[in-house]
Amino acid sequence: MDHKNNISKFDLFATVVVTVVGTGIFSLPSNLAEILGSEGWIMVWAIGVLVAFFVYIQCKVIKVNNFDRIDIILENNFGKFLGKIICLLIVIAGCFIISLELRTFTEVLRMYLLEKTPTELIMVLMILTGVVLIRGELEGVVMFNEIAFYLMFVPVIIVIPFVLNGADITNIFPVLTHKPMEYIKAINGEFFSFAGFFIIYMIHPFLKEKKQITKVALKSIIFITLFYSIIVMVSLAVFPEEYNKNLLWPTISMVSIVNIPGAFIEGWEGVAMIFWIFFYFTTFINVFYFNSEIIKNTFNLGTVKISSLIIMPIIYILAMYPDNITELFYIERSIMAYIYILVIGMMPLSLLFINFIKKGRKRDETN
């Protein structure tokens, strides 16, 4: 299918936002409170600045390489063999993201709604639903992102004032009371919450206004950082620091205690689950499609319908690997952090360095 130059600036913005903001938003306040207590919201901005730097480098690499597809960029700079290997590493990182979030998503559904439903059945149904949606290719995925953006964030913005009813905003203080290594530990552990920003590689070749890519991408990171920091601050204001540490998913707990006078909704746990499904499914669909697109282009499979079927069992196996939630969180916050820094952080820096060397050689040859 021809996707040539039909993606708008808002399409890019919405795609980055809904991909990055996954189910991690529900555990982020607890994870940060465990390491930094009341200072978690400040660390969100520190991570946001670091991510913005990597996004800027990523967009610079894309521009220098004439907005080619990521597989072409990698093969042109690293050679065919090594380029294909790096493509596979990106796919593996993407599979880890959606697999671990799939397991988290499934465990929460079983805890709150589907206690007797087998974990395996929920996972298989979610994967099959994803396969059906991505068969519509990029246009279908982007259209889904546009709709999901409003369905995800407008209700949250409306609910926040009611959540803050009776909250103690002083709970977000004091600040800057921890050792430097504790801040570094928080950055390393929670970098996962921003990991989906590599989705820019999926959409950049098809932008209408390619020159605006850096501006739009950075705006999306600012929006995500602001949203994350608000959620963390609200969680700290509603629940004491120690209580936050002991909650698996503080964001769900916050929504569950909402009391709107005269509202026709009584069971707010159901509303929280609707949010949960949207926040998970957008990440799942976009990363699943991106992985399928890379596999299709790398091995000349012709269509994502074939490559998505190849990826399906990998997602399922990785999702079933953790024995419990504790092991799942350990993988997310320790092992995976290094993979993301290597693939998402070091790759664009390496590409920029190679392009700088090539440019210098061409200048010398001209002279």
Protein backbone atom coordinates (compact mmCIF):
# COMPACT_ATOMS: atom_id res chain seq x y z
CA MET A 1 0.00 0.00 0.00
CA ASP A 2 1.28 3.48 -0.86
CA HIS A 3 1.50 5.72 2.21
CA LYS A 4 3.42 8.51 0.44
CA ASN A 5 3.28 11.89 2.22
CA ASN A 6 -0.22 11.64 3.69
CA ILE A 7 0.60 11.89 7.41
CA SER A 8 -0.13 15.24 9.07
CA LYS A 9 1.69 16.92 11.96
CA PHE A 10 -1.13 16.01 14.33
CA ASP A 11 -0.93 12.39 13.17
CA LEU A 12 2.74 12.33 14.18
CA PHE A 13 2.02 14.08 17.50
CA ALA A 14 -0.87 11.76 18.40
CA THR A 15 1.02 8.63 17.35
CA VAL A 16 4.05 9.42 19.51
CA VAL A 17 1.92 10.38 22.52
CA VAL A 18 -0.45 7.39 22.52
CA THR A 19 2.42 4.97 21.86
CA VAL A 20 4.66 6.22 24.66
CA VAL A 21 1.93 6.66 27.27
CA GLY A 22 1.09 3.02 27.86
CA THR A 23 0.08 1.07 30.95
CA GLY A 24 3.28 2.24 32.67
CA ILE A 25 1.37 5.37 33.65
CA PHE A 26 -0.61 3.28 36.14
CA SER A 27 2.48 2.07 38.06
CA LEU A 28 4.81 5.05 37.49
CA PRO A 29 3.79 6.96 40.69
CA SER A 30 4.47 3.88 42.82
CA ASN A 31 7.81 3.11 41.15
CA LEU A 32 9.09 6.67 41.59
CA ALA A 33 7.77 6.95 45.16
CA GLU A 34 9.67 3.79 46.08
CA ILE A 35 12.98 5.31 44.95
CA LEU A 36 12.55 9.06 45.51
CA GLY A 37 9.49 9.50 47.71
CA SER A 38 7.90 12.91 47.16
CA GLU A 39 10.45 13.91 44.49
CA GLY A 40 9.23 11.57 41.76
CA TRP A 41 7.53 14.33 39.78
CA ILE A 42 10.83 16.21 39.44
CA MET A 43 12.54 13.10 38.11
CA VAL A 44 9.86 12.83 35.41
CA TRP A 45 11.12 16.13 34.00
CA ALA A 46 14.75 15.00 34.22
CA ILE A 47 13.90 11.87 32.22
CA GLY A 48 11.84 14.00 29.82
CA VAL A 49 14.84 16.24 29.11
CA LEU A 50 17.03 13.19 28.45
CA VAL A 51 14.41 11.71 26.11
CA ALA A 52 14.03 15.06 24.32
CA PHE A 53 17.78 14.99 23.63
CA PHE A 54 17.56 11.51 22.11
CA VAL A 55 14.50 12.51 20.08
CA TYR A 56 16.36 15.56 18.73
CA ILE A 57 19.29 13.33 17.68
CA GLN A 58 16.85 10.83 16.18
CA CYS A 59 15.17 13.54 14.07
CA LYS A 60 18.59 14.88 13.04
CA VAL A 61 19.57 11.41 11.80
CA ILE A 62 16.30 11.11 9.88
CA LYS A 63 16.87 14.47 8.15
CA VAL A 64 20.50 13.71 7.28
CA ASN A 65 19.38 10.43 5.70
CA ASN A 66 16.70 12.09 3.55
CA PHE A 67 13.74 10.61 5.48
CA ASP A 68 14.46 7.08 4.25
CA ARG A 69 12.89 4.13 6.07
CA ILE A 70 14.79 3.03 9.18
CA ASP A 71 15.87 -0.27 7.60
CA ILE A 72 17.36 1.61 4.61
CA ILE A 73 19.10 4.11 6.92
CA LEU A 74 20.68 1.29 8.92
CA GLU A 75 21.80 -0.69 5.87
CA ASN A 76 23.26 2.43 4.20
CA ASN A 77 25.29 3.31 7.30
CA PHE A 78 26.20 -0.05 8.84
CA GLY A 79 26.13 -2.29 5.78
CA LYS A 80 23.49 -4.84 4.81
CA PHE A 81 24.38 -7.57 7.28
CA LEU A 82 24.89 -5.40 10.38
CA GLY A 83 21.94 -3.21 9.36
CA LYS A 84 19.64 -6.23 9.34
CA ILE A 85 20.97 -7.33 12.74
CA ILE A 86 20.19 -3.91 14.23
CA CYS A 87 16.72 -4.04 12.66
CA LEU A 88 16.16 -7.33 14.47
CA LEU A 89 17.38 -5.77 17.75
CA ILE A 90 14.80 -2.99 17.33
CA VAL A 91 12.12 -5.61 16.75
CA ILE A 92 13.23 -7.53 19.84
CA ALA A 93 13.12 -4.36 21.96
CA GLY A 94 9.65 -3.59 20.60
CA CYS A 95 8.47 -7.13 21.31
CA PHE A 96 9.69 -6.83 24.89
CA ILE A 97 7.77 -3.58 25.35
CA ILE A 98 4.43 -4.90 24.18
CA SER A 99 4.92 -8.37 25.70
CA LEU A 100 5.62 -7.07 29.19
CA GLU A 101 2.77 -4.58 28.93
CA LEU A 102 0.51 -7.36 27.64
CA ARG A 103 1.30 -9.41 30.74
CA THR A 104 0.66 -6.39 32.99
CA PHE A 105 -2.57 -5.64 31.16
CA THR A 106 -3.74 -9.24 31.54
CA GLU A 107 -2.92 -9.44 35.25
CA VAL A 108 -4.89 -6.26 35.97
CA LEU A 109 -7.90 -7.48 33.98
CA ARG A 110 -7.86 -10.73 35.92
CA MET A 111 -7.54 -8.89 39.23
CA TYR A 112 -10.41 -6.44 38.67
CA LEU A 113 -12.75 -7.93 36.06
CA LEU A 114 -11.99 -11.44 34.78
CA GLU A 115 -10.79 -13.40 37.79
CA LYS A 116 -11.65 -16.84 36.40
CA THR A 117 -10.56 -16.21 32.80
CA PRO A 118 -7.26 -17.94 31.93
CA THR A 119 -4.31 -15.63 31.34
CA GLU A 120 -3.49 -17.44 28.11
CA LEU A 121 -6.95 -16.82 26.65
CA ILE A 122 -6.87 -13.07 27.34
CA MET A 123 -3.43 -12.78 25.75
CA VAL A 124 -4.36 -14.74 22.64
CA LEU A 125 -7.52 -12.65 22.14
CA MET A 126 -5.58 -9.38 22.51
CA ILE A 127 -2.88 -10.49 20.06
CA LEU A 128 -5.47 -11.62 17.50
CA THR A 129 -7.34 -8.30 17.87
CA GLY A 130 -4.07 -6.49 17.19
CA VAL A 131 -3.39 -8.60 14.10
CA VAL A 132 -6.83 -7.73 12.70
CA LEU A 133 -6.35 -3.99 13.26
CA ILE A 134 -2.87 -3.73 11.75
CA ARG A 135 -4.05 -5.46 8.59
CA GLY A 136 -5.46 -2.03 7.72
CA GLU A 137 -1.79 -0.95 7.54
CA LEU A 138 -0.49 2.52 8.39
CA GLU A 139 -3.62 4.50 7.51
CA GLY A 140 -5.77 2.37 9.79
CA VAL A 141 -3.28 2.56 12.66
CA VAL A 142 -2.91 6.35 12.39
CA MET A 143 -6.67 6.87 12.25
CA PHE A 144 -7.00 4.73 15.38
CA ASN A 145 -4.35 6.91 17.08
CA GLU A 146 -6.24 10.12 16.29
CA ILE A 147 -9.45 8.82 17.86
CA ALA A 148 -7.67 7.20 20.80
CA PHE A 149 -5.81 10.43 21.66
CA TYR A 150 -9.04 12.23 22.56
CA LEU A 151 -10.64 9.19 24.19
CA MET A 152 -7.58 8.75 26.42
CA PHE A 153 -6.71 12.25 27.55
CA VAL A 154 -9.93 14.29 27.59
CA PRO A 155 -11.64 12.04 30.22
CA VAL A 156 -8.47 12.02 32.37
CA ILE A 157 -8.30 15.83 32.33
CA ILE A 158 -11.98 15.99 33.34
CA VAL A 159 -11.56 13.49 36.19
CA ILE A 160 -8.41 15.01 37.76
CA PRO A 161 -10.21 17.93 39.57
CA PHE A 162 -12.56 15.43 41.23
CA VAL A 163 -9.63 13.20 42.22
CA LEU A 164 -7.97 16.21 43.89
CA ASN A 165 -10.99 16.84 46.11
CA GLY A 166 -9.61 16.65 49.65
CA ALA A 167 -6.04 16.00 48.49
CA ASP A 168 -3.00 17.48 50.25
CA ILE A 169 -0.77 19.18 47.67
CA THR A 170 2.02 19.62 50.25
CA ASN A 171 2.73 15.89 49.88
CA ILE A 172 4.86 16.70 46.81
CA PHE A 173 7.43 18.34 49.11
CA PRO A 174 10.25 18.35 50.21
CA VAL A 175 12.48 18.09 47.15
CA LEU A 176 16.19 17.55 46.40
CA THR A 177 16.79 15.47 49.53
CA HIS A 178 18.25 12.30 47.97
CA LYS A 179 21.74 11.21 46.97
CA PRO A 180 22.85 11.61 43.32
CA MET A 181 22.98 7.82 42.80
CA GLU A 182 19.32 7.53 43.78
CA TYR A 183 18.37 9.99 41.02
CA ILE A 184 20.45 8.04 38.51
CA LYS A 185 18.76 4.82 39.63
CA ALA A 186 15.34 6.42 39.08
CA ILE A 187 16.29 7.59 35.58
CA ASN A 188 17.61 4.15 34.66
CA GLY A 189 14.56 2.35 36.04
CA GLU A 190 11.84 4.61 34.67
CA PHE A 191 13.33 5.35 31.24
CA PHE A 192 11.06 2.47 30.20
CA SER A 193 8.06 4.80 30.60
CA PHE A 194 9.29 6.83 27.59
CA ALA A 195 10.63 3.89 25.58
CA GLY A 196 8.04 4.03 22.78
CA PHE A 197 9.38 7.26 21.26
CA PHE A 198 11.23 5.22 18.62
CA ILE A 199 7.82 4.95 16.90
CA ILE A 200 8.89 8.13 15.07
CA TYR A 201 10.86 5.81 12.78
CA MET A 202 7.60 4.20 11.67
CA ILE A 203 5.91 7.36 10.51
CA HIS A 204 8.63 9.79 9.42
CA PRO A 205 8.92 8.70 5.72
CA PHE A 206 5.25 9.54 5.12
CA LEU A 207 4.99 13.03 6.65
CA LYS A 208 3.45 15.83 4.59
CA GLU A 209 5.58 18.52 6.27
CA LYS A 210 8.87 16.77 6.81
CA LYS A 211 10.73 19.90 7.92
CA GLN A 212 8.49 20.10 11.00
CA ILE A 213 9.42 16.66 12.34
CA THR A 214 11.76 17.89 15.10
CA LYS A 215 9.37 20.56 16.34
CA VAL A 216 6.37 18.21 16.43
CA ALA A 217 8.32 15.33 17.99
CA LEU A 218 9.66 17.56 20.79
CA LYS A 219 6.17 18.94 21.43
CA SER A 220 4.92 15.38 21.88
CA ILE A 221 7.67 14.66 24.43
CA ILE A 222 6.81 17.87 26.33
CA PHE A 223 3.14 16.83 26.39
CA ILE A 224 4.03 13.35 27.66
CA THR A 225 6.37 14.72 30.33
CA LEU A 226 3.75 17.21 31.52
CA PHE A 227 1.09 14.49 31.63
CA TYR A 228 3.35 12.09 33.54
CA SER A 229 4.38 14.75 36.07
CA ILE A 230 0.73 15.75 36.69
CA ILE A 231 -0.26 12.12 37.29
CA VAL A 232 2.65 11.59 39.71
CA MET A 233 1.91 14.85 41.60
CA VAL A 234 -1.80 14.05 41.83
CA SER A 235 -1.00 10.56 43.13
CA LEU A 236 1.30 12.02 45.80
CA ALA A 237 -1.33 14.59 46.75
CA VAL A 238 -4.08 11.97 47.08
CA PHE A 239 -2.08 9.21 48.78
CA PRO A 240 0.70 9.65 51.37
CA GLU A 241 4.21 8.75 50.22
CA GLU A 242 4.35 5.44 52.11
CA TYR A 243 0.92 4.41 50.81
CA ASN A 244 2.03 5.18 47.24
CA LYS A 245 5.00 2.85 47.64
CA ASN A 246 2.76 -0.05 48.62
CA LEU A 247 0.26 0.34 45.77
CA LEU A 248 0.85 -1.64 42.58
CA TRP A 249 -1.26 0.72 40.45
CA PRO A 250 -1.92 4.04 42.24
CA THR A 251 -3.57 5.59 39.18
CA ILE A 252 -6.30 2.94 39.16
CA SER A 253 -6.80 3.44 42.90
CA MET A 254 -7.19 7.20 42.36
CA VAL A 255 -9.87 6.78 39.72
CA SER A 256 -11.65 4.22 41.89
CA ILE A 257 -12.18 6.72 44.74
CA VAL A 258 -13.69 9.44 42.52
CA ASN A 259 -16.99 10.77 43.84
CA ILE A 260 -18.90 13.07 41.47
CA PRO A 261 -22.17 14.32 43.02
CA GLY A 262 -25.15 13.36 40.85
CA ALA A 263 -23.03 11.27 38.46
CA PHE A 264 -24.80 8.33 36.83
CA ILE A 265 -21.67 6.17 37.12
CA GLU A 266 -21.36 4.22 40.38
CA GLY A 267 -18.57 1.71 39.75
CA TRP A 268 -15.53 3.79 38.85
CA GLU A 269 -13.35 0.67 38.74
CA GLY A 270 -15.02 -0.07 35.40
CA VAL A 271 -14.09 3.40 34.15
CA ALA A 272 -10.50 2.81 35.26
CA MET A 273 -10.47 -0.43 33.28
CA ILE A 274 -11.66 1.40 30.15
CA PHE A 275 -8.75 3.82 30.53
CA TRP A 276 -6.43 0.86 31.10
CA ILE A 277 -7.55 -0.86 27.89
CA PHE A 278 -7.02 2.27 25.77
CA PHE A 279 -3.64 3.10 27.30
CA TYR A 280 -2.43 -0.43 26.70
CA PHE A 281 -3.94 -1.08 23.29
CA THR A 282 -2.51 2.06 21.64
CA THR A 283 1.04 1.08 22.61
CA PHE A 284 0.41 -2.52 21.58
CA ILE A 285 -1.02 -1.68 18.14
CA ASN A 286 1.64 0.86 17.16
CA VAL A 287 4.68 -1.14 18.28
CA PHE A 288 3.20 -4.35 16.84
CA TYR A 289 2.67 -2.65 13.47
CA PHE A 290 6.14 -1.06 13.54
CA ASN A 291 7.76 -4.42 14.28
CA SER A 292 5.76 -6.04 11.48
CA GLU A 293 6.77 -3.27 9.08
CA ILE A 294 10.47 -3.69 9.90
CA ILE A 295 10.32 -7.48 9.46
CA LYS A 296 8.44 -7.04 6.18
CA ASN A 297 11.00 -4.59 4.78
CA THR A 298 14.08 -6.37 6.13
CA PHE A 299 13.17 -9.74 4.64
CA ASN A 300 11.10 -8.52 1.66
CA LEU A 301 7.92 -10.28 2.77
CA GLY A 302 5.65 -7.98 0.78
CA THR A 303 2.96 -7.37 3.41
CA VAL A 304 2.57 -6.89 7.17
CA LYS A 305 -0.09 -9.61 7.10
CA ILE A 306 2.72 -12.17 6.85
CA SER A 307 5.22 -10.50 9.19
CA SER A 308 2.60 -9.96 11.91
CA LEU A 309 1.92 -13.70 11.96
CA ILE A 310 5.64 -14.33 12.48
CA ILE A 311 5.77 -11.95 15.45
CA MET A 312 2.61 -13.29 17.14
CA PRO A 313 4.19 -16.33 18.88
CA ILE A 314 7.21 -14.26 19.98
CA ILE A 315 4.94 -11.78 21.78
CA TYR A 316 3.03 -14.60 23.46
CA ILE A 317 6.15 -16.46 24.64
CA LEU A 318 7.78 -13.31 26.05
CA ALA A 319 4.54 -12.29 27.79
CA MET A 320 4.25 -15.70 29.47
CA TYR A 321 7.87 -15.77 30.67
CA PRO A 322 7.55 -13.83 34.00
CA ASP A 323 6.18 -16.03 36.79
CA ASN A 324 4.49 -13.16 38.60
CA ILE A 325 4.08 -9.38 38.79
CA THR A 326 7.21 -8.97 40.93
CA GLU A 327 9.40 -10.65 38.31
CA LEU A 328 7.64 -8.66 35.58
CA PHE A 329 8.48 -5.34 37.27
CA TYR A 330 12.06 -6.47 37.85
CA ILE A 331 12.53 -7.18 34.13
CA GLU A 332 10.96 -3.84 33.16
CA ARG A 333 12.98 -1.73 35.58
CA SER A 334 16.39 -3.39 35.34
CA ILE A 335 17.19 -5.69 32.42
CA MET A 336 15.08 -3.90 29.80
CA ALA A 337 16.41 -0.45 30.71
CA TYR A 338 19.85 -1.39 29.35
CA ILE A 339 18.40 -2.80 26.13
CA TYR A 340 16.44 0.41 25.50
CA ILE A 341 19.44 2.63 26.19
CA LEU A 342 21.51 0.53 23.77
CA VAL A 343 18.96 0.30 20.94
CA ILE A 344 17.07 3.58 21.37
CA GLY A 345 19.82 5.78 22.78
CA MET A 346 23.12 4.60 21.31
CA MET A 347 21.81 3.77 17.83
CA PRO A 348 20.91 7.36 16.79
CA LEU A 349 24.17 8.66 18.30
CA SER A 350 26.14 6.08 16.31
CA LEU A 351 24.25 6.94 13.12
CA LEU A 352 24.88 10.65 13.60
CA PHE A 353 28.59 10.00 14.16
CA ILE A 354 28.83 7.84 11.02
CA ASN A 355 27.04 10.49 8.97
CA PHE A 356 29.43 13.14 10.33
CA ILE A 357 32.43 11.01 9.27
CA LYS A 358 30.94 10.42 5.80
CA LYS A 359 30.24 14.12 5.36
CA GLY A 360 33.84 14.94 6.32
CA ARG A 361 35.21 12.44 3.78
CA LYS A 362 33.05 13.86 0.98
CA ARG A 363 34.27 17.36 1.83
CA ASP A 364 37.91 16.18 1.68
CA GLU A 365 37.32 14.44 -1.68
CA THR A 366 35.76 17.60 -3.09
CA ASN A 367 38.73 19.69 -1.99
